[in-house]
C-alpha atoms as a PDB file:
ATOM      1  CA  MET A   1      15.970-121.101 -74.663  1.00  0.00           C
ATOM      2  CA  ASN A   2      17.257-121.231 -78.152  1.00  0.00           C
ATOM      3  CA  GLY A   3      19.680-124.123 -77.834  1.00  0.00           C
ATOM      4  CA  PRO A   4      19.472-127.702 -79.034  1.00  0.00           C
ATOM      5  CA  GLU A   5      16.470-129.870 -78.287  1.00  0.00           C
ATOM      6  CA  ILE A   6      17.164-133.162 -76.623  1.00  0.00           C
ATOM      7  CA  THR A   7      15.023-136.049 -75.414  1.00  0.00           C
ATOM      8  CA  LEU A   8      15.357-136.754 -71.749  1.00  0.00           C
ATOM      9  CA  GLU A   9      14.336-139.909 -69.974  1.00  0.00           C
ATOM     10  CA  VAL A  10      14.554-140.112 -66.171  1.00  0.00           C
ATOM     11  CA  ALA A  11      14.591-143.483 -64.347  1.00  0.00           C
ATOM     12  CA  PRO A  12      11.241-144.329 -62.686  1.00  0.00           C
ATOM     13  CA  GLU A  13      12.949-144.169 -59.257  1.00  0.00           C
ATOM     14  CA  LEU A  14      13.882-140.518 -59.885  1.00  0.00           C
ATOM     15  CA  ARG A  15      10.655-139.274 -61.418  1.00  0.00           C
ATOM     16  CA  LEU A  16       9.374-137.955 -58.091  1.00  0.00           C
ATOM     17  CA  PHE A  17      11.981-135.196 -58.356  1.00  0.00           C
ATOM     18  CA  VAL A  18      10.909-133.903 -61.828  1.00  0.00           C
ATOM     19  CA  PRO A  19       7.869-131.870 -62.793  1.00  0.00           C
ATOM     20  CA  HIS A  20       4.706-133.889 -63.250  1.00  0.00           C
ATOM     21  CA  ASP A  21       4.672-133.420 -66.996  1.00  0.00           C
ATOM     22  CA  ARG A  22       8.049-135.093 -67.332  1.00  0.00           C
ATOM     23  CA  ARG A  23       7.239-138.254 -65.300  1.00  0.00           C
ATOM     24  CA  GLN A  24       5.693-140.386 -68.024  1.00  0.00           C
ATOM     25  CA  GLY A  25       8.832-141.296 -69.940  1.00  0.00           C
ATOM     26  CA  PRO A  26      10.975-139.573 -72.569  1.00  0.00           C
ATOM     27  CA  THR A  27      10.188-135.911 -73.006  1.00  0.00           C
ATOM     28  CA  ALA A  28      11.571-133.160 -75.256  1.00  0.00           C
ATOM     29  CA  LEU A  29      13.672-130.490 -73.598  1.00  0.00           C
ATOM     30  CA  THR A  30      15.317-127.418 -75.127  1.00  0.00           C
ATOM     31  CA  THR A  31      18.692-126.570 -73.563  1.00  0.00           C
ATOM     32  CA  ASP A  32      20.793-123.424 -73.812  1.00  0.00           C
ATOM     33  CA  GLY A  33      23.595-125.233 -75.658  1.00  0.00           C
ATOM     34  CA  ALA A  34      26.182-124.323 -73.003  1.00  0.00           C
ATOM     35  CA  SER A  35      25.019-126.011 -69.799  1.00  0.00           C
ATOM     36  CA  THR A  36      26.503-129.332 -68.758  1.00  0.00           C
ATOM     37  CA  LEU A  37      24.287-132.378 -68.503  1.00  0.00           C
ATOM     38  CA  GLY A  38      24.716-132.233 -64.721  1.00  0.00           C
ATOM     39  CA  HIS A  39      23.324-128.703 -64.636  1.00  0.00           C
ATOM     40  CA  VAL A  40      20.439-129.695 -66.889  1.00  0.00           C
ATOM     41  CA  ILE A  41      19.550-132.629 -64.622  1.00  0.00           C
ATOM     42  CA  GLU A  42      19.724-130.536 -61.476  1.00  0.00           C
ATOM     43  CA  SER A  43      17.622-127.742 -63.086  1.00  0.00           C
ATOM     44  CA  LEU A  44      14.864-130.345 -63.525  1.00  0.00           C
ATOM     45  CA  GLY A  45      14.955-131.096 -59.806  1.00  0.00           C
ATOM     46  CA  VAL A  46      17.009-134.289 -59.682  1.00  0.00           C
ATOM     47  CA  PRO A  47      19.814-134.088 -57.149  1.00  0.00           C
ATOM     48  CA  LEU A  48      23.073-135.306 -58.712  1.00  0.00           C
ATOM     49  CA  THR A  49      23.648-137.466 -55.610  1.00  0.00           C
ATOM     50  CA  GLU A  50      20.585-139.469 -56.711  1.00  0.00           C
ATOM     51  CA  ALA A  51      21.655-139.750 -60.391  1.00  0.00           C
ATOM     52  CA  GLY A  52      23.616-142.766 -61.395  1.00  0.00           C
ATOM     53  CA  ALA A  53      24.823-143.568 -64.882  1.00  0.00           C
ATOM     54  CA  LEU A  54      24.174-140.939 -67.590  1.00  0.00           C
ATOM     55  CA  LEU A  55      23.792-142.066 -71.203  1.00  0.00           C
ATOM     56  CA  ALA A  56      23.734-140.063 -74.406  1.00  0.00           C
ATOM     57  CA  ASP A  57      22.336-142.091 -77.323  1.00  0.00           C
ATOM     58  CA  GLY A  58      23.117-145.222 -75.300  1.00  0.00           C
ATOM     59  CA  ALA A  59      26.734-144.372 -74.522  1.00  0.00           C
ATOM     60  CA  PRO A  60      27.998-143.405 -71.034  1.00  0.00           C
ATOM     61  CA  VAL A  61      28.833-139.723 -70.618  1.00  0.00           C
ATOM     62  CA  ALA A  62      30.123-137.603 -67.777  1.00  0.00           C
ATOM     63  CA  ARG A  63      28.125-134.977 -65.934  1.00  0.00           C
ATOM     64  CA  SER A  64      30.300-132.394 -67.703  1.00  0.00           C
ATOM     65  CA  HIS A  65      28.922-133.525 -71.096  1.00  0.00           C
ATOM     66  CA  ILE A  66      27.138-130.713 -73.004  1.00  0.00           C
ATOM     67  CA  PRO A  67      24.102-132.253 -74.767  1.00  0.00           C
ATOM     68  CA  GLY A  68      23.941-131.812 -78.485  1.00  0.00           C
ATOM     69  CA  PRO A  69      20.946-131.523 -80.859  1.00  0.00           C
ATOM     70  CA  ASP A  70      18.649-134.566 -80.921  1.00  0.00           C
ATOM     71  CA  GLU A  71      20.515-136.508 -78.308  1.00  0.00           C
ATOM     72  CA  HIS A  72      18.546-139.022 -76.300  1.00  0.00           C
ATOM     73  CA  ILE A  73      19.653-138.627 -72.654  1.00  0.00           C
ATOM     74  CA  GLU A  74      18.948-141.299 -70.075  1.00  0.00           C
ATOM     75  CA  VAL A  75      19.388-140.558 -66.373  1.00  0.00           C
ATOM     76  CA  ARG A  76      19.617-143.743 -64.370  1.00  0.00           C
ATOM     77  CA  ALA A  77      19.252-144.037 -60.636  1.00  0.00           C
ATOM     78  CA  VAL A  78      22.168-144.801 -58.329  1.00  0.00           C
ATOM     79  CA  ASP A  79      22.028-148.616 -58.243  1.00  0.00           C
ATOM     80  CA  ARG A  80      23.974-149.195 -54.985  1.00  0.00           C
ATOM     81  CA  PRO A  81      23.972-147.298 -51.760  1.00  0.00           C
ATOM     82  CA  GLN A  82      27.729-147.705 -51.472  1.00  0.00           C
ATOM     83  CA  GLU A  83      28.155-145.884 -54.800  1.00  0.00           C
ATOM     84  CA  GLN A  84      25.914-143.070 -53.563  1.00  0.00           C
ATOM     85  CA  LEU A  85      27.824-142.867 -50.287  1.00  0.00           C
ATOM     86  CA  ARG A  86      31.228-142.647 -52.099  1.00  0.00           C
ATOM     87  CA  ASP A  87      29.738-139.958 -54.445  1.00  0.00           C
ATOM     88  CA  VAL A  88      28.451-137.836 -51.505  1.00  0.00           C
ATOM     89  CA  LEU A  89      31.639-138.208 -49.416  1.00  0.00           C
ATOM     90  CA  GLY A  90      33.832-137.440 -52.451  1.00  0.00           C
ATOM     91  CA  ARG A  91      31.824-134.405 -53.574  1.00  0.00           C
ATOM     92  CA  PHE A  92      31.002-132.738 -50.268  1.00  0.00           C
ATOM     93  CA  THR A  93      33.970-133.980 -48.182  1.00  0.00           C
ATOM     94  CA  PRO A  94      32.184-133.815 -44.871  1.00  0.00           C
ATOM     95  CA  SER A  95      34.131-134.309 -41.660  1.00  0.00           C
ATOM     96  CA  LEU A  96      33.524-137.861 -40.541  1.00  0.00           C
ATOM     97  CA  ALA A  97      33.011-138.692 -36.837  1.00  0.00           C
ATOM     98  CA  PRO A  98      31.074-141.993 -36.840  1.00  0.00           C
ATOM     99  CA  TRP A  99      28.667-142.963 -34.104  1.00  0.00           C
ATOM    100  CA  THR A 100      28.736-139.478 -32.496  1.00  0.00           C
ATOM    101  CA  ARG A 101      25.456-137.975 -33.851  1.00  0.00           C
ATOM    102  CA  CYS A 102      21.781-138.778 -33.645  1.00  0.00           C
ATOM    103  CA  THR A 103      20.253-139.799 -36.968  1.00  0.00           C
ATOM    104  CA  ALA A 104      16.942-138.193 -35.942  1.00  0.00           C
ATOM    105  CA  CYS A 105      17.985-134.677 -34.823  1.00  0.00           C
ATOM    106  CA  ASN A 106      21.822-134.563 -35.254  1.00  0.00           C
ATOM    107  CA  GLY A 107      22.281-134.105 -31.527  1.00  0.00           C
ATOM    108  CA  THR A 108      25.379-135.425 -29.758  1.00  0.00           C
ATOM    109  CA  LEU A 109      25.359-139.013 -28.531  1.00  0.00           C
ATOM    110  CA  ALA A 110      26.538-139.794 -25.031  1.00  0.00           C
ATOM    111  CA  GLU A 111      27.111-143.050 -23.187  1.00  0.00           C
ATOM    112  CA  ALA A 112      23.955-144.165 -21.423  1.00  0.00           C
ATOM    113  CA  ASP A 113      23.443-146.491 -18.520  1.00  0.00           C
ATOM    114  CA  LYS A 114      21.169-149.491 -19.273  1.00  0.00           C
ATOM    115  CA  ASP A 115      18.996-148.862 -16.208  1.00  0.00           C
ATOM    116  CA  THR A 116      18.458-145.251 -17.304  1.00  0.00           C
ATOM    117  CA  VAL A 117      17.184-146.129 -20.813  1.00  0.00           C
ATOM    118  CA  SER A 118      15.533-149.503 -20.078  1.00  0.00           C
ATOM    119  CA  ASP A 119      12.004-148.058 -20.160  1.00  0.00           C
ATOM    120  CA  GLN A 120      12.606-147.090 -23.826  1.00  0.00           C
ATOM    121  CA  LEU A 121      13.753-150.568 -24.928  1.00  0.00           C
ATOM    122  CA  GLU A 122      11.875-153.653 -26.109  1.00  0.00           C
ATOM    123  CA  HIS A 123      12.189-156.626 -23.852  1.00  0.00           C
ATOM    124  CA  GLY A 124      14.452-158.532 -26.271  1.00  0.00           C
ATOM    125  CA  THR A 125      16.786-155.548 -26.596  1.00  0.00           C
ATOM    126  CA  GLN A 126      16.967-155.272 -22.801  1.00  0.00           C
ATOM    127  CA  GLN A 127      17.952-158.909 -22.620  1.00  0.00           C
ATOM    128  CA  ALA A 128      20.470-158.993 -25.499  1.00  0.00           C
ATOM    129  CA  TYR A 129      22.404-155.740 -25.137  1.00  0.00           C
ATOM    130  CA  ASP A 130      24.302-153.990 -22.362  1.00  0.00           C
ATOM    131  CA  VAL A 131      25.996-150.977 -24.072  1.00  0.00           C
ATOM    132  CA  PHE A 132      23.867-147.981 -25.038  1.00  0.00           C
ATOM    133  CA  ALA A 133      24.181-144.381 -26.206  1.00  0.00           C
ATOM    134  CA  GLN A 134      21.523-141.680 -25.947  1.00  0.00           C
ATOM    135  CA  CYS A 135      21.043-138.483 -27.841  1.00  0.00           C
ATOM    136  CA  THR A 136      21.525-135.382 -25.626  1.00  0.00           C
ATOM    137  CA  GLY A 137      19.043-133.525 -27.781  1.00  0.00           C
ATOM    138  CA  CYS A 138      15.981-135.807 -28.304  1.00  0.00           C
ATOM    139  CA  ALA A 139      16.813-138.704 -25.933  1.00  0.00           C
ATOM    140  CA  ARG A 140      16.671-141.370 -28.660  1.00  0.00           C
ATOM    141  CA  VAL A 141      18.537-144.530 -27.600  1.00  0.00           C
ATOM    142  CA  TYR A 142      21.155-146.358 -29.728  1.00  0.00           C
ATOM    143  CA  TRP A 143      22.841-149.759 -29.343  1.00  0.00           C
ATOM    144  CA  ARG A 144      25.001-152.034 -31.467  1.00  0.00           C
ATOM    145  CA  GLY A 145      22.243-154.197 -32.907  1.00  0.00           C
ATOM    146  CA  ALA A 146      22.076-157.015 -35.372  1.00  0.00           C
ATOM    147  CA  HIS A 147      23.306-154.952 -38.328  1.00  0.00           C
ATOM    148  CA  HIS A 148      26.118-153.175 -36.483  1.00  0.00           C
ATOM    149  CA  GLY A 149      28.871-155.380 -37.922  1.00  0.00           C
ATOM    150  CA  HIS A 150      27.836-154.634 -41.475  1.00  0.00           C
ATOM    151  CA  LEU A 151      27.487-150.919 -40.767  1.00  0.00           C
ATOM    152  CA  GLU A 152      30.841-150.822 -38.990  1.00  0.00           C
ATOM    153  CA  THR A 153      32.515-152.229 -42.165  1.00  0.00           C
ATOM    154  CA  ILE A 154      30.860-149.515 -44.308  1.00  0.00           C
ATOM    155  CA  VAL A 155      31.906-146.769 -41.876  1.00  0.00           C
ATOM    156  CA  ALA A 156      35.422-148.059 -41.462  1.00  0.00           C
ATOM    157  CA  ASP A 157      35.881-148.234 -45.291  1.00  0.00           C
ATOM    158  CA  ALA A 158      34.588-144.682 -45.612  1.00  0.00           C
ATOM    159  CA  VAL A 159      36.898-143.372 -42.885  1.00  0.00           C
ATOM    160  CA  ARG A 160      39.841-145.174 -44.473  1.00  0.00           C
ATOM    161  CA  GLU A 161      39.123-143.766 -47.948  1.00  0.00           C
ATOM    162  CA  PHE A 162      37.933-140.255 -47.069  1.00  0.00           C
ATOM    163  CA  GLY A 163      39.503-139.567 -43.657  1.00  0.00           C
ATOM    164  CA  GLY A 164      37.903-138.815 -40.358  1.00  0.00           C
ATOM    165  CA  THR A 165      37.836-140.084 -36.820  1.00  0.00           C
ATOM    166  CA  ALA A 166      37.556-143.841 -36.382  1.00  0.00           C
ATOM    167  CA  ALA A 167      34.885-144.965 -33.911  1.00  0.00           C
END
């Protein structure tokens, strides 16, 4: 490429995505002079859903920013899962149908009788919970455990903001 040379620094949490020779800190990178910063970041292997704040010479810039000569670019990691969730839902606009799919295989969840799934449960879970769902694909068992209230709030907020079927 014959465009401007920039210095790029990727947050330590994101370095696993970039080529090994760019993992030690700031590195020089020649751009084509026309690609957006978002495109440059993705071309290095960092998914934009993992990228948080972008800085050019210390100032926040958008993913649409076209890097100029000698700019020092910092790519920070997404610092909050909620921010990442909003980014993914806003960008890809998936259809939301909470609590209907298996997190392991994406199979459909169906109501399950406690007696049918009891051999797959720890004793404490058997004692504390009565309502279960089971994946029709891989047979994984689900229940509304200790973190369900917190997860339900996150899901309800996402459905309210981005649409979908409430659970």
